[in-house]
Amino acid sequence: MLKKVLIIFAVLIALPFVLALFAPKNYSVVTSVDIGRDNQTVYDYVVLLKNQDNFSVWAQVDPQMQKSYRGEDGQVGFVSAWKSDNPDVGEGEQEITAIVPGQRIDYELRFLAPFEAVSPAYMIVTPIDADNTQVTWGFTGHLDYPMNLMMWFIDFETMIDNDLSQGLNSLKSLLEAQ
């Protein structure tokens, strides 16, 4: 009887690790919105990381979070850091890693707490016509084994897509009201 209990116990402990072997490790989200403003106006706004506080869902979760900055905003190497006691916000930083003037801004998000992760993100600004611009916001993530087991139970892509879409809709409202 004890042998059966130990075998069942061992299987229960090993099962999540085995399932994690087959779980995806990467996820990617890309969403867009059309904004009724010219391309240069939109680009000039989104290239500044500090402006994300005005439209990003994550910045709205804890308006009291501590913020700090290093470098010149809108330039490669600029870092925007945050720290919050709210576990939904945690601690981390975002750095501009590449810029194609008038078109694209690449970032690296470095989450420090409540968990550590590095995720690339970007925004692409594309003119539709003289008075309308499409903004595309992309984000990719990776979960190492065995944490990737969460991919079976949490739909990261839908959660992040909702946040990015809400942020882009806030950006649209903000810029179209100017």
Protein backbone atom coordinates (compact mmCIF):
# COMPACT_ATOMS: atom_id res chain seq x y z
CA MET A 1 0.00 0.00 0.00
CA LEU A 2 2.80 2.44 0.90
CA LYS A 3 4.50 1.68 -2.40
CA LYS A 4 1.32 2.63 -4.34
CA VAL A 5 0.97 5.89 -2.42
CA LEU A 6 4.62 6.78 -3.11
CA ILE A 7 4.19 6.00 -6.82
CA ILE A 8 1.05 8.16 -7.03
CA PHE A 9 2.83 10.92 -5.15
CA ALA A 10 5.84 10.75 -7.50
CA VAL A 11 3.59 10.83 -10.59
CA LEU A 12 1.72 13.87 -9.24
CA ILE A 13 4.98 15.70 -8.65
CA ALA A 14 6.46 14.72 -12.03
CA LEU A 15 3.32 15.37 -14.12
CA PRO A 16 3.63 19.19 -14.29
CA PHE A 17 7.28 18.91 -15.33
CA VAL A 18 6.38 16.46 -18.08
CA LEU A 19 3.50 18.65 -19.29
CA ALA A 20 5.84 21.65 -19.38
CA LEU A 21 8.04 19.79 -21.88
CA PHE A 22 5.18 20.11 -24.40
CA ALA A 23 3.95 23.60 -23.52
CA PRO A 24 4.87 26.54 -25.77
CA LYS A 25 7.59 28.83 -24.46
CA ASN A 26 6.98 31.91 -26.62
CA TYR A 27 4.05 34.19 -27.30
CA SER A 28 3.58 37.19 -29.54
CA VAL A 29 0.96 39.92 -29.78
CA VAL A 30 0.54 42.54 -32.50
CA THR A 31 -2.36 44.99 -32.60
CA SER A 32 -3.07 48.23 -34.47
CA VAL A 33 -5.28 51.29 -34.47
CA ASP A 34 -5.89 54.04 -37.02
CA ILE A 35 -5.51 57.56 -35.64
CA GLY A 36 -6.92 60.67 -37.30
CA ARG A 37 -3.66 62.62 -37.11
CA ASP A 38 -0.70 63.03 -39.45
CA ASN A 39 2.19 60.57 -39.22
CA GLN A 40 4.78 63.03 -37.85
CA THR A 41 2.52 64.20 -35.00
CA VAL A 42 1.81 60.62 -33.97
CA TYR A 43 5.46 59.57 -34.25
CA ASP A 44 6.68 62.59 -32.27
CA TYR A 45 4.32 61.59 -29.46
CA VAL A 46 4.98 57.85 -29.29
CA VAL A 47 8.78 58.10 -29.60
CA LEU A 48 8.82 59.66 -26.11
CA LEU A 49 8.62 56.89 -23.50
CA LYS A 50 7.37 59.31 -20.86
CA ASN A 51 4.21 59.76 -22.95
CA GLN A 52 3.29 56.10 -22.42
CA ASP A 53 2.16 57.11 -18.94
CA ASN A 54 -0.71 58.93 -20.66
CA PHE A 55 -2.09 55.96 -22.59
CA SER A 56 -0.59 52.66 -21.40
CA VAL A 57 -2.94 50.48 -19.35
CA TRP A 58 -0.06 49.34 -17.15
CA ALA A 59 0.82 52.92 -16.17
CA GLN A 60 -2.78 53.50 -15.05
CA VAL A 61 -2.84 50.52 -12.67
CA ASP A 62 -0.75 52.37 -10.06
CA PRO A 63 -0.57 56.13 -10.65
CA GLN A 64 1.54 56.38 -7.45
CA MET A 65 4.35 54.13 -8.72
CA GLN A 66 7.86 55.49 -8.47
CA LYS A 67 9.30 56.49 -11.85
CA SER A 68 12.85 57.30 -12.81
CA TYR A 69 14.58 58.07 -16.09
CA ARG A 70 18.07 57.83 -17.56
CA GLY A 71 19.21 59.44 -20.77
CA GLU A 72 17.41 61.63 -23.29
CA ASP A 73 13.81 60.66 -23.99
CA GLY A 74 13.15 59.77 -27.62
CA GLN A 75 16.75 58.61 -28.15
CA VAL A 76 18.30 55.13 -28.26
CA GLY A 77 19.48 54.22 -24.76
CA PHE A 78 16.79 56.16 -22.90
CA VAL A 79 15.48 54.14 -19.94
CA SER A 80 12.19 54.57 -18.13
CA ALA A 81 12.09 52.62 -14.85
CA TRP A 82 9.21 51.93 -12.49
CA LYS A 83 8.68 50.48 -9.05
CA SER A 84 5.36 49.71 -7.40
CA ASP A 85 4.14 47.86 -4.35
CA ASN A 86 1.20 46.69 -6.47
CA PRO A 87 2.03 43.12 -7.61
CA ASP A 88 0.23 43.74 -10.93
CA VAL A 89 2.79 46.46 -11.70
CA GLY A 90 5.92 45.28 -9.90
CA GLU A 91 9.31 46.66 -10.80
CA GLY A 92 11.16 46.97 -14.07
CA GLU A 93 12.45 49.21 -16.79
CA GLN A 94 12.02 49.87 -20.48
CA GLU A 95 14.84 50.96 -22.79
CA ILE A 96 14.69 52.31 -26.33
CA THR A 97 16.94 49.95 -28.32
CA ALA A 98 16.42 51.18 -31.89
CA ILE A 99 14.69 53.96 -33.78
CA VAL A 100 13.81 54.40 -37.43
CA PRO A 101 12.88 58.11 -37.48
CA GLY A 102 9.26 58.71 -38.37
CA GLN A 103 8.53 54.97 -38.56
CA ARG A 104 9.51 52.65 -35.72
CA ILE A 105 10.61 52.51 -32.09
CA ASP A 106 11.98 49.29 -30.55
CA TYR A 107 12.08 48.71 -26.79
CA GLU A 108 13.38 46.14 -24.39
CA LEU A 109 11.21 45.61 -21.33
CA ARG A 110 13.06 44.20 -18.35
CA PHE A 111 10.75 42.98 -15.60
CA LEU A 112 12.51 42.64 -12.25
CA ALA A 113 9.68 41.85 -9.80
CA PRO A 114 7.47 39.98 -9.03
CA PHE A 115 9.31 37.86 -11.62
CA GLU A 116 12.27 38.38 -13.93
CA ALA A 117 11.79 38.47 -17.69
CA VAL A 118 13.04 40.33 -20.74
CA SER A 119 10.58 41.06 -23.54
CA PRO A 120 11.10 42.98 -26.76
CA ALA A 121 8.37 45.36 -27.89
CA TYR A 122 7.93 47.89 -30.66
CA MET A 123 5.66 50.54 -32.12
CA ILE A 124 5.38 51.14 -35.85
CA VAL A 125 3.86 54.36 -37.17
CA THR A 126 2.62 54.13 -40.78
CA PRO A 127 0.96 56.95 -42.74
CA ILE A 128 -2.39 56.00 -44.24
CA ASP A 129 -2.80 59.40 -45.91
CA ALA A 130 -1.92 63.01 -45.03
CA ASP A 131 -4.27 63.10 -42.03
CA ASN A 132 -4.41 59.51 -40.82
CA THR A 133 -1.82 57.18 -39.31
CA GLN A 134 -1.82 53.54 -38.32
CA VAL A 135 0.00 52.65 -35.09
CA THR A 136 1.00 49.03 -34.57
CA TRP A 137 2.13 47.89 -31.13
CA GLY A 138 3.89 44.55 -30.84
CA PHE A 139 5.12 42.57 -27.86
CA THR A 140 6.78 39.18 -27.53
CA GLY A 141 7.41 37.13 -24.45
CA HIS A 142 9.16 33.96 -23.38
CA LEU A 143 8.70 31.66 -20.42
CA ASP A 144 11.53 29.26 -19.58
CA TYR A 145 10.90 25.66 -18.62
CA PRO A 146 9.13 24.79 -16.31
CA MET A 147 7.38 28.17 -15.95
CA ASN A 148 6.09 27.73 -19.50
CA LEU A 149 3.56 25.30 -18.00
CA MET A 150 1.48 28.43 -17.30
CA MET A 151 0.93 28.74 -21.07
CA TRP A 152 -1.53 25.82 -20.82
CA PHE A 153 -3.61 27.67 -18.22
CA ILE A 154 -3.21 31.41 -18.90
CA ASP A 155 -3.93 32.98 -22.27
CA PHE A 156 -1.09 35.51 -22.23
CA GLU A 157 -1.70 36.56 -25.84
CA THR A 158 -5.33 37.54 -25.22
CA MET A 159 -4.51 39.29 -21.95
CA ILE A 160 -1.71 41.34 -23.50
CA ASP A 161 -3.69 41.99 -26.69
CA ASN A 162 -6.50 43.46 -24.57
CA ASP A 163 -4.04 45.72 -22.73
CA LEU A 164 -2.26 46.86 -25.90
CA SER A 165 -5.57 47.48 -27.71
CA GLN A 166 -6.92 49.47 -24.78
CA GLY A 167 -3.69 51.49 -24.70
CA LEU A 168 -3.85 52.19 -28.44
CA ASN A 169 -7.49 53.26 -28.16
CA SER A 170 -6.49 55.65 -25.35
CA LEU A 171 -3.67 56.96 -27.55
CA LYS A 172 -6.15 57.49 -30.39
CA SER A 173 -8.55 59.42 -28.14
CA LEU A 174 -5.72 61.48 -26.69
CA LEU A 175 -4.17 62.45 -30.02
CA GLU A 176 -7.43 63.05 -31.84
CA ALA A 177 -8.56 65.40 -29.04
CA GLN A 178 -5.48 67.63 -29.49
